[in-house]
Amino acid sequence: MDEYLTIFEVAELTKYTVGTLRKFVLKRRIAFHKWGRSLRFKRSEIELWIKSGATEVVYLPDGESGKTAAGTDGVETGEAQT
């Protein structure tokens, strides 16, 4: 099972501020999951995002995505939009 991180843990891992990470979430520039009102991040997706240059949402080969549609608890899949 994949480890989920809080926004504070991702900030520590990436050296971005919490505010910057929240902006990335709003602009869909980082993979994330909504748990109710909380944000969670899969460690594997964050590590891929860092390795990719941290510029786009990372889509995993099996079609999973960390990108979540606003206002839903499900995971949205598809292509990253530029």
N, C-alpha and C. Protein backbone atom coordinates (compact mmCIF):
# COMPACT_ATOMS: atom_id res chain seq x y z
N MET A 1 0.84 -1.19 0.00
CA MET A 1 0.00 0.00 0.00
C MET A 1 0.88 1.24 0.00
N ASP A 2 0.50 2.20 -0.80
CA ASP A 2 1.28 3.42 -0.93
C ASP A 2 1.10 4.33 0.29
N GLU A 3 2.15 5.01 0.64
CA GLU A 3 2.11 5.92 1.78
C GLU A 3 1.53 7.27 1.34
N TYR A 4 0.62 7.80 2.12
CA TYR A 4 0.04 9.12 1.87
C TYR A 4 0.67 10.14 2.80
N LEU A 5 0.95 11.32 2.26
CA LEU A 5 1.60 12.38 3.02
C LEU A 5 0.67 13.57 3.18
N THR A 6 0.85 14.31 4.25
CA THR A 6 0.13 15.57 4.44
C THR A 6 0.85 16.66 3.65
N ILE A 7 0.22 17.80 3.53
CA ILE A 7 0.85 18.91 2.81
C ILE A 7 2.12 19.39 3.54
N PHE A 8 2.14 19.24 4.85
CA PHE A 8 3.31 19.63 5.63
C PHE A 8 4.48 18.69 5.36
N GLU A 9 4.19 17.41 5.22
CA GLU A 9 5.23 16.43 4.91
C GLU A 9 5.77 16.64 3.49
N VAL A 10 4.88 16.98 2.56
CA VAL A 10 5.31 17.25 1.19
C VAL A 10 6.17 18.52 1.16
N ALA A 11 5.81 19.51 1.95
CA ALA A 11 6.60 20.74 2.02
C ALA A 11 8.02 20.43 2.51
N GLU A 12 8.12 19.58 3.49
CA GLU A 12 9.43 19.20 4.01
C GLU A 12 10.22 18.41 2.96
N LEU A 13 9.56 17.52 2.26
CA LEU A 13 10.20 16.68 1.25
C LEU A 13 10.66 17.49 0.04
N THR A 14 9.84 18.44 -0.40
CA THR A 14 10.11 19.19 -1.63
C THR A 14 10.83 20.52 -1.41
N LYS A 15 10.82 21.00 -0.18
CA LYS A 15 11.38 22.31 0.18
C LYS A 15 10.55 23.48 -0.35
N TYR A 16 9.31 23.18 -0.81
CA TYR A 16 8.36 24.24 -1.16
C TYR A 16 7.61 24.63 0.10
N THR A 17 7.11 25.86 0.15
CA THR A 17 6.29 26.27 1.29
C THR A 17 4.90 25.65 1.14
N VAL A 18 4.19 25.58 2.24
CA VAL A 18 2.81 25.06 2.21
C VAL A 18 1.96 25.93 1.29
N GLY A 19 2.15 27.24 1.33
CA GLY A 19 1.40 28.16 0.47
C GLY A 19 1.64 27.89 -1.00
N THR A 20 2.89 27.64 -1.36
CA THR A 20 3.22 27.33 -2.75
C THR A 20 2.58 26.02 -3.18
N LEU A 21 2.63 25.03 -2.32
CA LEU A 21 1.99 23.74 -2.64
C LEU A 21 0.49 23.90 -2.82
N ARG A 22 -0.14 24.72 -1.99
CA ARG A 22 -1.59 24.97 -2.15
C ARG A 22 -1.89 25.62 -3.50
N LYS A 23 -1.02 26.53 -3.94
CA LYS A 23 -1.19 27.15 -5.27
C LYS A 23 -1.04 26.10 -6.36
N PHE A 24 -0.07 25.18 -6.21
CA PHE A 24 0.10 24.11 -7.19
C PHE A 24 -1.14 23.24 -7.25
N VAL A 25 -1.76 22.97 -6.11
CA VAL A 25 -2.99 22.18 -6.07
C VAL A 25 -4.11 22.93 -6.81
N LEU A 26 -4.27 24.21 -6.52
CA LEU A 26 -5.33 24.99 -7.17
C LEU A 26 -5.15 25.04 -8.68
N LYS A 27 -3.89 25.09 -9.14
CA LYS A 27 -3.59 25.15 -10.57
C LYS A 27 -3.42 23.76 -11.18
N ARG A 28 -3.65 22.71 -10.37
CA ARG A 28 -3.53 21.31 -10.81
C ARG A 28 -2.12 21.02 -11.34
N ARG A 29 -1.10 21.54 -10.66
CA ARG A 29 0.29 21.33 -11.08
C ARG A 29 0.98 20.25 -10.26
N ILE A 30 0.27 19.67 -9.30
CA ILE A 30 0.81 18.61 -8.47
C ILE A 30 -0.29 17.57 -8.23
N ALA A 31 0.11 16.31 -8.21
CA ALA A 31 -0.85 15.23 -7.99
C ALA A 31 -1.31 15.25 -6.53
N PHE A 32 -2.62 15.13 -6.31
CA PHE A 32 -3.16 15.15 -4.95
C PHE A 32 -4.46 14.36 -4.88
N HIS A 33 -4.86 14.07 -3.66
CA HIS A 33 -6.12 13.37 -3.39
C HIS A 33 -6.85 14.14 -2.30
N LYS A 34 -8.17 14.23 -2.40
CA LYS A 34 -8.98 14.88 -1.37
C LYS A 34 -9.56 13.81 -0.47
N TRP A 35 -9.35 13.96 0.83
CA TRP A 35 -9.98 13.11 1.84
C TRP A 35 -10.90 14.02 2.63
N GLY A 36 -12.14 14.11 2.23
CA GLY A 36 -13.05 15.08 2.86
C GLY A 36 -12.54 16.47 2.54
N ARG A 37 -12.19 17.23 3.59
CA ARG A 37 -11.65 18.57 3.39
C ARG A 37 -10.13 18.61 3.41
N SER A 38 -9.52 17.45 3.60
CA SER A 38 -8.06 17.38 3.72
C SER A 38 -7.42 16.99 2.39
N LEU A 39 -6.20 17.47 2.17
CA LEU A 39 -5.40 17.08 1.03
C LEU A 39 -4.42 16.01 1.45
N ARG A 40 -4.23 15.02 0.60
CA ARG A 40 -3.22 13.99 0.82
C ARG A 40 -2.47 13.78 -0.49
N PHE A 41 -1.24 13.37 -0.37
CA PHE A 41 -0.37 13.18 -1.52
C PHE A 41 0.28 11.81 -1.43
N LYS A 42 0.24 11.05 -2.53
CA LYS A 42 0.92 9.76 -2.55
C LYS A 42 2.42 9.99 -2.67
N ARG A 43 3.19 9.36 -1.79
CA ARG A 43 4.64 9.53 -1.83
C ARG A 43 5.20 9.19 -3.21
N SER A 44 4.75 8.10 -3.82
CA SER A 44 5.27 7.69 -5.13
C SER A 44 4.99 8.75 -6.20
N GLU A 45 3.80 9.36 -6.17
CA GLU A 45 3.47 10.40 -7.15
C GLU A 45 4.31 11.65 -6.92
N ILE A 46 4.55 12.00 -5.67
CA ILE A 46 5.38 13.18 -5.38
C ILE A 46 6.82 12.93 -5.81
N GLU A 47 7.33 11.74 -5.57
CA GLU A 47 8.70 11.42 -6.00
C GLU A 47 8.83 11.47 -7.52
N LEU A 48 7.82 10.95 -8.24
CA LEU A 48 7.82 11.05 -9.71
C LEU A 48 7.74 12.51 -10.16
N TRP A 49 6.93 13.29 -9.48
CA TRP A 49 6.75 14.71 -9.81
C TRP A 49 8.08 15.45 -9.63
N ILE A 50 8.79 15.16 -8.56
CA ILE A 50 10.09 15.80 -8.32
C ILE A 50 11.07 15.41 -9.42
N LYS A 51 11.13 14.13 -9.74
CA LYS A 51 12.06 13.64 -10.77
C LYS A 51 11.74 14.21 -12.15
N SER A 52 10.47 14.49 -12.41
CA SER A 52 10.06 14.99 -13.72
C SER A 52 10.35 16.47 -13.90
N GLY A 53 10.86 17.12 -12.88
CA GLY A 53 11.14 18.55 -12.97
C GLY A 53 10.08 19.39 -12.29
N ALA A 54 9.10 18.75 -11.68
CA ALA A 54 8.07 19.43 -10.90
C ALA A 54 7.37 20.53 -11.68
N THR A 55 6.98 20.21 -12.94
CA THR A 55 6.29 21.21 -13.75
C THR A 55 4.89 20.80 -14.16
N GLU A 56 4.59 19.52 -14.16
CA GLU A 56 3.28 19.03 -14.60
C GLU A 56 2.77 17.97 -13.63
N VAL A 57 1.50 17.71 -13.70
CA VAL A 57 0.91 16.62 -12.93
C VAL A 57 1.43 15.31 -13.49
N VAL A 58 1.79 14.39 -12.63
CA VAL A 58 2.31 13.10 -13.05
C VAL A 58 1.17 12.11 -13.19
N TYR A 59 1.09 11.44 -14.32
CA TYR A 59 0.11 10.38 -14.54
C TYR A 59 0.84 9.06 -14.54
N LEU A 60 0.40 8.14 -13.70
CA LEU A 60 1.05 6.86 -13.57
C LEU A 60 0.69 5.95 -14.74
N PRO A 61 1.56 4.99 -15.08
CA PRO A 61 1.34 4.12 -16.23
C PRO A 61 0.03 3.34 -16.19
N ASP A 62 -0.47 2.99 -15.02
CA ASP A 62 -1.69 2.20 -14.94
C ASP A 62 -2.95 3.05 -15.05
N GLY A 63 -2.79 4.34 -15.37
CA GLY A 63 -3.93 5.21 -15.55
C GLY A 63 -4.37 5.95 -14.31
N GLU A 64 -3.76 5.66 -13.15
CA GLU A 64 -4.10 6.39 -11.93
C GLU A 64 -3.53 7.79 -12.02
N SER A 65 -4.17 8.69 -11.37
CA SER A 65 -3.70 10.05 -11.32
C SER A 65 -3.91 10.61 -9.93
N GLY A 66 -3.05 11.50 -9.54
CA GLY A 66 -3.24 12.18 -8.28
C GLY A 66 -4.13 13.39 -8.42
N LYS A 67 -4.48 13.74 -9.63
CA LYS A 67 -5.33 14.90 -9.87
C LYS A 67 -6.76 14.56 -9.52
N THR A 68 -7.38 15.37 -8.71
CA THR A 68 -8.75 15.15 -8.27
C THR A 68 -9.63 16.27 -8.77
N ALA A 69 -10.79 15.94 -9.27
CA ALA A 69 -11.75 16.96 -9.71
C ALA A 69 -12.21 17.76 -8.51
N ALA A 70 -12.35 19.05 -8.68
CA ALA A 70 -12.76 19.92 -7.59
C ALA A 70 -14.11 19.50 -7.04
N GLY A 71 -14.17 19.37 -5.72
CA GLY A 71 -15.43 19.07 -5.06
C GLY A 71 -15.81 17.60 -5.05
N THR A 72 -14.89 16.73 -5.48
CA THR A 72 -15.21 15.30 -5.45
C THR A 72 -14.20 14.57 -4.62
N ASP A 73 -14.54 13.37 -4.22
CA ASP A 73 -13.62 12.53 -3.44
C ASP A 73 -12.96 11.50 -4.33
N GLY A 74 -13.39 11.37 -5.59
CA GLY A 74 -12.85 10.37 -6.50
C GLY A 74 -11.58 10.85 -7.16
N VAL A 75 -10.94 9.94 -7.85
CA VAL A 75 -9.72 10.26 -8.56
C VAL A 75 -10.04 10.41 -10.03
N GLU A 76 -9.63 11.51 -10.61
CA GLU A 76 -9.84 11.78 -12.00
C GLU A 76 -8.64 11.27 -12.79
N THR A 77 -8.89 10.69 -13.95
CA THR A 77 -7.79 10.23 -14.78
C THR A 77 -7.87 10.92 -16.12
N GLY A 78 -6.76 10.90 -16.84
CA GLY A 78 -6.74 11.50 -18.16
C GLY A 78 -5.40 12.14 -18.43
N GLU A 79 -5.37 12.94 -19.48
CA GLU A 79 -4.14 13.59 -19.91
C GLU A 79 -3.96 14.93 -19.18
N ALA A 80 -2.71 15.28 -18.93
CA ALA A 80 -2.41 16.59 -18.35
C ALA A 80 -2.65 17.64 -19.42
N GLN A 81 -3.28 18.71 -19.05
CA GLN A 81 -3.55 19.78 -20.00
C GLN A 81 -2.50 20.87 -19.87
N THR A 82 -2.11 21.40 -21.02
CA THR A 82 -1.10 22.48 -21.01
C THR A 82 -1.69 23.77 -21.46
